[in-house]
Amino acid sequence: MVATMIMQRMSVAMEYGVILKWMKKEGDTVKRGEPIVEIFGEKNEFELESPADGVLLKILCDVDDEIPISEPIAYIGKKGEKVPDVMPKKLNQAGAVTPVVSTSTSGVASPKTKVVTKATAPPTETRLPSGKIKASPRAKKKAKEMGIDLALIVGTGQGGRIVEKDVLAAQSIPQATVSDERKVKQVATMKPLRRTIARRMTQSSQNPHITMITEIDMTEVVELREEINERVEKKHGIRISFNDIIVKAVADSLNQFPKFNATLVGNDVVMFEEVNIGVAMATDDGLIVPTVRDADKKSITEIALETKDFGNRAKKNELKPEELTGSTFTVSNLGPFKVDLFIPVINPPETAILALGQIKKKPVVVDDAIVVRSIMMASCAVDHRVLDGAPAGQFLAALKETLENPFMMKF
C-alpha cells in the first residue's frame, strides 16, 4: 500500500513549509523514521521523516516550493506500485496558488509545465480555534468555482469571516511586473524566512493599528545596569543589556494590563495567564522573535541569560520550534542601530507591540532646572479592534514609571 508523505505542522503558527533539500531521490530505498527532506517552517529548519518502509516512488515538489500544511509531498511504497494522481498545491513568489506538476525521476520539474491560477491574498487569521475556516456558504461556493484556496484569503466579514466579495477581490489582485523601461541590476528571490515575514506583516496590516509615543528617562536604568553588571559579569560571564531590563519592566507592567497580553479570536478577547515576551532579533536572513516565557516571574539576570543564549543559537539556526512561538507581547529594540524612534507592526496574533529607540543624553527640565539626562523614545502600537488610545497611554505611563524607578524590579 502506498504511503503519502505530507507537509507536517512543526509549530502552532506554521501554515506552510518550504522545501530546502531532498535527502533522497526517487527510487531510493527508505526506512520508517529516516529523514527524507529538509524543510523551512515558520522561521526554522526541520527534517521530515519517512512514514513507512519502502521505496521513494515519487517526489511531488521541487526545492524552494512553498507547500501548505497537510498537502502531499511524496509517495512511498513497494517498487512498481502505482501512485495516486494527486498533486499538492503551493504558493508561487507572487502569492498565487499553483498546482505542482509531475516531477522527473530526479525530483525536478520543468518550469514551463507549471500552471498558475488567479492570485490570492496572503493568509490571515480566518480560522476558528478548531482549525475550521470561517467562510459564508456563498464564499465557499464561489471559491470552489474559481479554484481559490480559502485559507489564503483575508476575511473582511464579522470576526474575520470570509464573504463572497473577499473571494472576488482575491481574483483581481494584480501581479507585480518589471517595466521594460527600467534597467534591472539584480533579482533576488526572497528566502523562506523573508517570505514568512512578508506574509505575517501583510496579515498584520489588515487590522487597524493605533500607536502611542512617549519619552522615558533612562538615567536610573543606566545606573542600575552598571551596578548589576559588576556582579553578573563575574558570576555568569555575560553583561546585562538595556533590553533585558526593559523586557522585565514590560512583563511586570503587563500584569496590570491583561488586554495587552491577549489575542482576538472571533468576538472574544482571550487574555493569557502567562506573560511570554517575544524579543525581536535581527539575523542575516530577517527578523526572528524567540520567546522569554513567564518573563514576569524571572529576574533581570535570568532574562539576560536566556536572551544571550537565544542570540547565540539564532546565528547558528539552532533555535527550537517551541522557542519561536507562544509569545503574548513583543518588544522590538532598534537602539543598537542608532534609531531614535520607529512605528512597529504588531506581531499577529498579539494585540500590542513595544518599539524602542536608542538611549541618548539630552538636556531636559527637572524642577525648573536644565539638566542632562539619558532619554529613550518608546512607541506602543495596539490592535485598535481590542484597545483604544486611553489604555495604550496608560500602559506606556505605567512602563515609564517602572523604568524611571527601576530599583524596585527583581535583579
Protein backbone atom coordinates (compact mmCIF):
# COMPACT_ATOMS: atom_id res chain seq x y z
CA MET A 1 0.00 0.00 0.00
CA VAL A 2 1.35 3.41 -0.98
CA ALA A 3 2.05 5.76 1.95
CA THR A 4 1.62 9.50 1.47
CA MET A 5 4.24 11.80 2.97
CA ILE A 6 2.63 15.15 3.81
CA MET A 7 3.88 18.59 4.81
CA GLN A 8 3.70 18.41 8.59
CA ARG A 9 2.92 21.22 11.01
CA MET A 10 6.08 21.65 13.11
CA SER A 11 4.83 24.59 15.22
CA VAL A 12 1.48 26.11 16.17
CA ALA A 13 1.87 29.12 13.87
CA MET A 14 3.18 27.18 10.86
CA GLU A 15 0.85 27.22 7.83
CA TYR A 16 3.36 26.48 5.05
CA GLY A 17 6.64 24.66 4.64
CA VAL A 18 9.37 25.44 2.11
CA ILE A 19 11.30 22.55 0.56
CA LEU A 20 15.00 23.17 1.22
CA LYS A 21 16.63 19.89 0.20
CA TRP A 22 15.61 16.37 -0.77
CA MET A 23 17.92 13.98 1.08
CA LYS A 24 16.74 11.04 -1.03
CA LYS A 25 15.90 10.70 -4.71
CA GLU A 26 13.17 8.78 -6.49
CA GLY A 27 13.88 5.06 -6.49
CA ASP A 28 15.88 5.10 -3.24
CA THR A 29 15.02 2.61 -0.52
CA VAL A 30 13.91 4.32 2.69
CA LYS A 31 13.07 3.20 6.21
CA ARG A 32 10.33 4.43 8.50
CA GLY A 33 11.66 7.34 10.59
CA GLU A 34 14.55 8.04 8.21
CA PRO A 35 15.00 11.76 7.30
CA ILE A 36 13.80 12.32 3.70
CA VAL A 37 13.59 16.07 3.21
CA GLU A 38 14.69 19.30 4.86
CA ILE A 39 12.04 22.00 5.15
CA PHE A 40 11.74 25.53 6.45
CA GLY A 41 8.65 26.27 8.50
CA GLU A 42 7.80 29.41 10.48
CA LYS A 43 11.34 30.74 10.90
CA ASN A 44 13.22 27.49 11.49
CA GLU A 45 14.54 24.41 9.65
CA PHE A 46 13.40 20.81 10.21
CA GLU A 47 13.76 17.32 8.79
CA LEU A 48 10.68 15.33 7.81
CA GLU A 49 10.93 11.57 8.21
CA SER A 50 9.60 8.73 6.10
CA PRO A 51 6.18 7.49 7.32
CA ALA A 52 6.88 3.92 6.16
CA ASP A 53 9.43 1.40 4.88
CA GLY A 54 9.70 1.06 1.13
CA VAL A 55 10.86 2.90 -1.96
CA LEU A 56 10.57 6.63 -2.60
CA LEU A 57 8.22 6.23 -5.56
CA LYS A 58 7.57 9.84 -6.44
CA ILE A 59 8.68 13.31 -5.33
CA LEU A 60 5.82 15.77 -5.84
CA CYS A 61 7.52 19.15 -5.38
CA ASP A 62 10.77 20.95 -6.07
CA VAL A 63 13.34 22.62 -3.89
CA ASP A 64 12.07 26.11 -2.92
CA ASP A 65 8.41 25.17 -3.39
CA GLU A 66 6.16 26.52 -0.63
CA ILE A 67 3.60 23.89 0.35
CA PRO A 68 0.56 24.31 2.66
CA ILE A 69 0.24 22.08 5.73
CA SER A 70 -1.20 18.58 5.10
CA GLU A 71 -0.55 18.68 1.33
CA PRO A 72 1.20 15.58 -0.10
CA ILE A 73 4.89 16.00 -0.96
CA ALA A 74 5.97 12.42 -1.78
CA TYR A 75 4.74 8.84 -2.13
CA ILE A 76 6.42 5.79 -0.59
CA GLY A 77 5.59 2.15 -1.28
CA LYS A 78 6.73 -1.05 -2.96
CA LYS A 79 8.72 -0.84 -6.19
CA GLY A 80 6.39 -0.66 -9.17
CA GLU A 81 3.29 0.32 -7.18
CA LYS A 82 1.03 2.87 -8.82
CA VAL A 83 0.93 6.24 -7.04
CA PRO A 84 -2.24 8.35 -6.64
CA ASP A 85 -2.81 11.05 -9.24
CA VAL A 86 -2.94 13.77 -6.60
CA MET A 87 -0.56 16.72 -6.59
CA PRO A 88 -0.06 19.32 -3.84
CA LYS A 89 -0.99 22.96 -4.01
CA LYS A 90 1.71 25.53 -3.49
CA LEU A 91 2.31 29.28 -3.42
CA ASN A 92 4.40 30.98 -6.04
CA GLN A 93 6.50 34.07 -5.37
CA ALA A 94 3.60 36.36 -6.23
CA GLY A 95 1.33 34.67 -3.71
CA ALA A 96 -0.67 32.77 -6.34
CA VAL A 97 -1.93 29.23 -5.79
CA THR A 98 -0.13 26.89 -8.18
CA PRO A 99 -0.87 23.18 -8.64
CA VAL A 100 2.50 21.41 -8.70
CA VAL A 101 3.03 19.26 -11.78
CA SER A 102 4.62 15.84 -12.02
CA THR A 103 8.38 15.77 -11.49
CA SER A 104 11.07 13.76 -13.23
CA THR A 105 12.96 10.93 -11.58
CA SER A 106 15.38 13.50 -10.21
CA GLY A 107 12.53 15.29 -8.49
CA VAL A 108 12.98 18.47 -10.57
CA ALA A 109 10.03 19.79 -12.57
CA SER A 110 10.24 21.84 -15.73
CA PRO A 111 9.25 25.48 -15.05
CA LYS A 112 7.37 25.55 -18.37
CA THR A 113 4.89 22.92 -17.21
CA LYS A 114 3.61 24.80 -14.15
CA VAL A 115 0.04 26.11 -14.34
CA VAL A 116 -0.63 29.29 -12.37
CA THR A 117 -4.18 30.16 -11.33
CA LYS A 118 -5.51 33.54 -10.27
CA ALA A 119 -3.62 35.36 -7.49
CA THR A 120 -4.97 35.23 -3.99
CA ALA A 121 -4.46 37.39 -0.95
CA PRO A 122 -1.89 36.45 1.72
CA PRO A 123 -3.12 34.27 4.59
CA THR A 124 -4.76 35.75 7.67
CA GLU A 125 -6.32 34.54 10.89
CA THR A 126 -9.58 33.26 9.36
CA ARG A 127 -9.75 30.05 11.34
CA LEU A 128 -11.72 29.08 14.41
CA PRO A 129 -9.81 27.50 17.34
CA SER A 130 -10.79 24.10 15.88
CA GLY A 131 -8.90 24.98 12.68
CA LYS A 132 -12.06 25.28 10.54
CA ILE A 133 -12.02 28.21 8.10
CA LYS A 134 -14.69 30.85 8.75
CA ALA A 135 -16.47 31.45 5.44
CA SER A 136 -20.02 32.03 4.23
CA PRO A 137 -21.70 29.35 2.06
CA ARG A 138 -21.66 31.73 -0.95
CA ALA A 139 -17.93 32.37 -0.42
CA LYS A 140 -17.22 28.64 -0.28
CA LYS A 141 -19.21 28.01 -3.46
CA LYS A 142 -17.52 30.87 -5.33
CA ALA A 143 -14.04 29.80 -4.19
CA LYS A 144 -14.70 26.26 -5.40
CA GLU A 145 -15.88 27.56 -8.78
CA MET A 146 -12.80 29.78 -9.16
CA GLY A 147 -10.28 27.26 -7.81
CA ILE A 148 -9.15 29.58 -4.99
CA ASP A 149 -7.92 28.29 -1.62
CA LEU A 150 -9.98 29.91 1.16
CA ALA A 151 -7.05 29.55 3.57
CA LEU A 152 -5.21 32.24 1.60
CA ILE A 153 -7.97 34.88 1.63
CA VAL A 154 -8.27 37.81 4.02
CA GLY A 155 -11.73 37.79 5.58
CA THR A 156 -13.49 41.15 5.96
CA GLY A 157 -16.74 39.86 7.39
CA GLN A 158 -17.81 39.65 11.03
CA GLY A 159 -14.91 38.39 13.15
CA GLY A 160 -12.69 37.82 10.10
CA ARG A 161 -15.27 35.67 8.28
CA ILE A 162 -14.65 35.27 4.55
CA VAL A 163 -17.55 36.54 2.44
CA GLU A 164 -18.20 36.32 -1.31
CA LYS A 165 -16.71 39.75 -2.08
CA ASP A 166 -13.41 38.66 -0.50
CA VAL A 167 -13.19 35.75 -2.95
CA LEU A 168 -14.00 38.02 -5.89
CA ALA A 169 -11.41 40.54 -4.71
CA ALA A 170 -8.77 37.81 -4.45
CA GLN A 171 -9.28 37.01 -8.13
CA SER A 172 -8.45 40.56 -9.18
CA ILE A 173 -5.22 41.12 -7.22
CA PRO A 174 -2.66 42.32 -9.79
CA GLN A 175 0.67 40.57 -10.35
CA ALA A 176 3.84 42.59 -9.89
CA THR A 177 5.77 43.18 -13.12
CA VAL A 178 9.08 44.77 -14.07
CA SER A 179 8.79 47.53 -16.69
CA ASP A 180 10.92 47.13 -19.82
CA GLU A 181 11.83 50.81 -19.46
CA ARG A 182 13.83 50.17 -16.29
CA LYS A 183 17.21 48.51 -16.22
CA VAL A 184 17.33 45.64 -13.75
CA LYS A 185 20.53 45.36 -11.75
CA GLN A 186 19.66 42.19 -9.87
CA VAL A 187 16.70 39.96 -8.98
CA ALA A 188 16.89 38.40 -5.52
CA THR A 189 14.36 35.71 -4.68
CA MET A 190 13.17 36.03 -1.10
CA LYS A 191 14.50 33.39 1.27
CA PRO A 192 11.96 31.28 3.21
CA LEU A 193 12.33 33.38 6.38
CA ARG A 194 11.73 36.59 4.42
CA ARG A 195 8.62 35.07 2.82
CA THR A 196 7.25 34.15 6.24
CA ILE A 197 7.86 37.69 7.48
CA ALA A 198 6.18 39.12 4.37
CA ARG A 199 3.04 37.05 4.93
CA ARG A 200 2.84 37.79 8.64
CA MET A 201 3.31 41.53 8.13
CA THR A 202 0.68 41.59 5.38
CA GLN A 203 -1.64 39.77 7.74
CA SER A 204 -0.94 42.32 10.46
CA SER A 205 -1.61 45.25 8.12
CA GLN A 206 -5.20 44.03 7.59
CA ASN A 207 -6.01 45.07 11.17
CA PRO A 208 -6.32 48.69 12.36
CA HIS A 209 -3.36 49.91 14.44
CA ILE A 210 -3.04 52.89 16.74
CA THR A 211 0.35 54.00 18.10
CA MET A 212 1.22 55.95 21.26
CA ILE A 213 4.64 57.59 21.74
CA THR A 214 6.44 58.83 24.85
CA GLU A 215 9.88 59.76 26.21
CA ILE A 216 11.34 57.75 29.08
CA ASP A 217 14.11 58.99 31.36
CA MET A 218 16.52 56.03 31.46
CA THR A 219 19.13 57.67 33.72
CA GLU A 220 18.44 55.36 36.65
CA VAL A 221 18.31 52.32 34.34
CA VAL A 222 21.83 53.24 33.18
CA GLU A 223 22.95 53.31 36.83
CA LEU A 224 21.14 50.05 37.62
CA ARG A 225 22.74 48.28 34.67
CA GLU A 226 26.24 49.31 35.76
CA GLU A 227 25.55 48.08 39.30
CA ILE A 228 24.12 44.71 38.19
CA ASN A 229 26.88 44.06 35.65
CA GLU A 230 29.58 44.33 38.31
CA ARG A 231 28.13 41.18 39.87
CA VAL A 232 26.67 39.35 36.86
CA GLU A 233 29.81 39.52 34.72
CA LYS A 234 31.90 37.91 37.44
CA LYS A 235 29.38 35.17 38.18
CA HIS A 236 27.96 34.35 34.73
CA GLY A 237 30.40 35.82 32.23
CA ILE A 238 27.75 37.93 30.48
CA ARG A 239 26.65 41.54 30.56
CA ILE A 240 23.09 42.69 31.12
CA SER A 241 21.74 44.71 28.19
CA PHE A 242 19.29 47.60 28.42
CA ASN A 243 16.82 45.41 26.55
CA ASP A 244 16.96 42.74 29.28
CA ILE A 245 15.91 45.34 31.85
CA ILE A 246 13.18 46.67 29.55
CA VAL A 247 11.79 43.16 28.94
CA LYS A 248 11.47 42.69 32.70
CA ALA A 249 9.78 46.08 33.10
CA VAL A 250 7.33 45.28 30.28
CA ALA A 251 6.49 41.89 31.79
CA ASP A 252 5.78 43.45 35.19
CA SER A 253 3.62 46.16 33.58
CA LEU A 254 1.59 43.64 31.57
CA ASN A 255 0.23 42.13 34.78
CA GLN A 256 -1.67 45.41 35.25
CA PHE A 257 -3.00 45.42 31.66
CA PRO A 258 -4.32 41.95 30.71
CA LYS A 259 -5.77 43.07 27.34
CA PHE A 260 -2.25 43.86 26.18
CA ASN A 261 -1.34 40.24 26.92
CA ALA A 262 -4.08 38.78 24.76
CA THR A 263 -5.32 37.77 21.32
CA LEU A 264 -8.59 38.28 19.45
CA VAL A 265 -10.48 35.12 18.45
CA GLY A 266 -13.70 35.99 16.62
CA ASN A 267 -15.51 38.33 19.00
CA ASP A 268 -13.64 37.11 22.09
CA VAL A 269 -10.59 38.78 23.61
CA VAL A 270 -8.60 35.86 25.03
CA MET A 271 -6.34 37.06 27.86
CA PHE A 272 -3.43 34.83 28.84
CA GLU A 273 -2.26 33.94 32.32
CA GLU A 274 1.33 33.53 31.15
CA VAL A 275 3.37 36.61 30.25
CA ASN A 276 5.55 35.44 27.36
CA ILE A 277 7.64 38.21 25.84
CA GLY A 278 8.78 37.89 22.22
CA VAL A 279 12.20 39.51 21.83
CA ALA A 280 12.78 40.64 18.24
CA MET A 281 16.29 39.76 16.98
CA ALA A 282 17.87 40.60 13.63
CA THR A 283 19.60 37.84 11.64
CA ASP A 284 21.21 37.86 8.20
CA ASP A 285 18.02 36.44 6.68
CA GLY A 286 15.49 38.54 8.58
CA LEU A 287 13.79 39.14 11.89
CA ILE A 288 13.09 36.29 14.32
CA VAL A 289 11.24 36.54 17.64
CA PRO A 290 12.27 33.98 20.28
CA THR A 291 10.07 33.87 23.37
CA VAL A 292 11.02 34.52 27.00
CA ARG A 293 8.31 32.55 28.78
CA ASP A 294 6.92 33.67 32.16
CA ALA A 295 9.12 36.77 31.99
CA ASP A 296 7.23 38.38 34.86
CA LYS A 297 8.38 35.58 37.16
CA LYS A 298 12.05 35.82 36.17
CA SER A 299 14.78 38.15 37.35
CA ILE A 300 16.64 40.52 35.05
CA THR A 301 19.66 38.20 35.24
CA GLU A 302 17.60 35.13 34.28
CA ILE A 303 16.14 37.01 31.31
CA ALA A 304 19.63 38.11 30.24
CA LEU A 305 20.99 34.55 30.36
CA GLU A 306 18.06 33.36 28.25
CA THR A 307 18.25 36.10 25.62
CA LYS A 308 22.03 35.72 25.26
CA ASP A 309 21.54 32.01 24.65
CA PHE A 310 18.80 32.75 22.10
CA GLY A 311 21.06 35.20 20.30
CA ASN A 312 23.99 32.78 20.11
CA ARG A 313 21.87 29.91 18.81
CA ALA A 314 19.90 32.11 16.39
CA LYS A 315 23.13 32.83 14.49
CA LYS A 316 23.60 29.06 14.03
CA ASN A 317 19.91 28.42 13.22
CA GLU A 318 19.66 26.17 16.27
CA LEU A 319 16.52 27.56 17.91
CA LYS A 320 13.75 25.03 18.59
CA PRO A 321 10.21 25.50 17.21
CA GLU A 322 8.73 26.00 20.68
CA GLU A 323 11.24 28.78 21.35
CA LEU A 324 9.93 30.76 18.37
CA THR A 325 6.23 30.50 19.22
CA GLY A 326 3.90 31.25 22.11
CA SER A 327 4.71 34.92 22.65
CA THR A 328 1.89 37.10 24.02
CA PHE A 329 3.60 40.50 23.57
CA THR A 330 6.64 41.61 21.56
CA VAL A 331 9.48 44.02 22.31
CA SER A 332 11.45 45.38 19.34
CA ASN A 333 14.55 47.46 20.11
CA LEU A 334 16.44 49.26 17.34
CA GLY A 335 18.50 51.33 19.76
CA PRO A 336 21.71 49.39 18.98
CA PHE A 337 21.29 50.53 15.34
CA LYS A 338 21.20 54.22 16.38
CA VAL A 339 17.48 54.55 15.58
CA ASP A 340 15.73 57.22 17.65
CA LEU A 341 12.10 56.25 17.01
CA PHE A 342 10.06 53.94 14.79
CA ILE A 343 6.48 52.78 14.43
CA PRO A 344 6.28 48.98 14.85
CA VAL A 345 3.96 46.46 13.19
CA ILE A 346 2.10 44.14 15.55
CA ASN A 347 3.25 40.50 15.52
CA PRO A 348 -0.02 38.59 14.91
CA PRO A 349 -1.99 37.24 16.66
CA GLU A 350 -0.84 39.51 19.51
CA THR A 351 -2.71 42.71 20.36
CA ALA A 352 0.27 45.03 21.02
CA ILE A 353 3.98 45.61 20.47
CA LEU A 354 6.55 47.96 22.04
CA ALA A 355 9.22 49.68 19.92
CA LEU A 356 12.31 51.28 21.46
CA GLY A 357 14.90 53.71 20.15
CA GLN A 358 18.43 54.46 21.32
CA ILE A 359 19.25 56.00 24.70
CA LYS A 360 20.72 59.47 24.21
CA LYS A 361 21.86 62.18 26.58
CA LYS A 362 19.65 65.24 26.25
CA PRO A 363 19.07 68.49 28.12
CA VAL A 364 15.77 68.31 29.98
CA VAL A 365 13.98 70.41 32.58
CA VAL A 366 13.87 68.91 36.08
CA ASP A 367 12.49 71.03 38.93
CA ASP A 368 12.81 74.17 36.77
CA ALA A 369 16.49 73.45 36.11
CA ILE A 370 18.08 72.29 32.87
CA VAL A 371 19.98 69.04 33.40
CA VAL A 372 21.44 66.33 31.19
CA ARG A 373 19.57 63.01 31.35
CA SER A 374 19.63 59.72 29.40
CA ILE A 375 16.42 59.72 27.34
CA MET A 376 14.79 56.97 25.23
CA MET A 377 11.83 57.22 22.86
CA ALA A 378 9.25 54.44 23.09
CA SER A 379 6.21 53.73 20.92
CA CYS A 380 3.46 51.21 21.57
CA ALA A 381 1.25 50.01 18.71
CA VAL A 382 -2.02 48.30 19.64
CA ASP A 383 -4.76 46.48 17.76
CA HIS A 384 -7.50 49.11 17.62
CA ARG A 385 -10.17 46.40 17.46
CA VAL A 386 -9.25 45.46 21.02
CA LEU A 387 -7.66 48.55 22.55
CA ASP A 388 -8.15 52.31 22.34
CA GLY A 389 -5.78 55.24 22.81
CA ALA A 390 -6.53 55.75 26.50
CA PRO A 391 -5.46 52.28 27.71
CA ALA A 392 -2.44 52.43 25.38
CA GLY A 393 -1.44 55.70 27.02
CA GLN A 394 -1.99 54.21 30.48
CA PHE A 395 0.19 51.21 29.65
CA LEU A 396 3.02 53.45 28.45
CA ALA A 397 2.67 55.60 31.57
CA ALA A 398 2.97 52.52 33.80
CA LEU A 399 6.02 51.29 31.88
CA LYS A 400 7.58 54.75 32.09
CA GLU A 401 7.03 54.79 35.85
CA THR A 402 8.70 51.37 36.22
CA LEU A 403 11.75 52.27 34.11
CA GLU A 404 12.23 55.63 35.79
CA ASN A 405 12.22 53.85 39.16
CA PRO A 406 13.91 50.55 38.19
CA PHE A 407 15.48 49.60 41.52
CA MET A 408 12.15 48.08 42.58
CA MET A 409 12.50 45.32 39.96
CA LYS A 410 13.84 41.83 40.69
CA PHE A 411 17.56 41.78 39.76
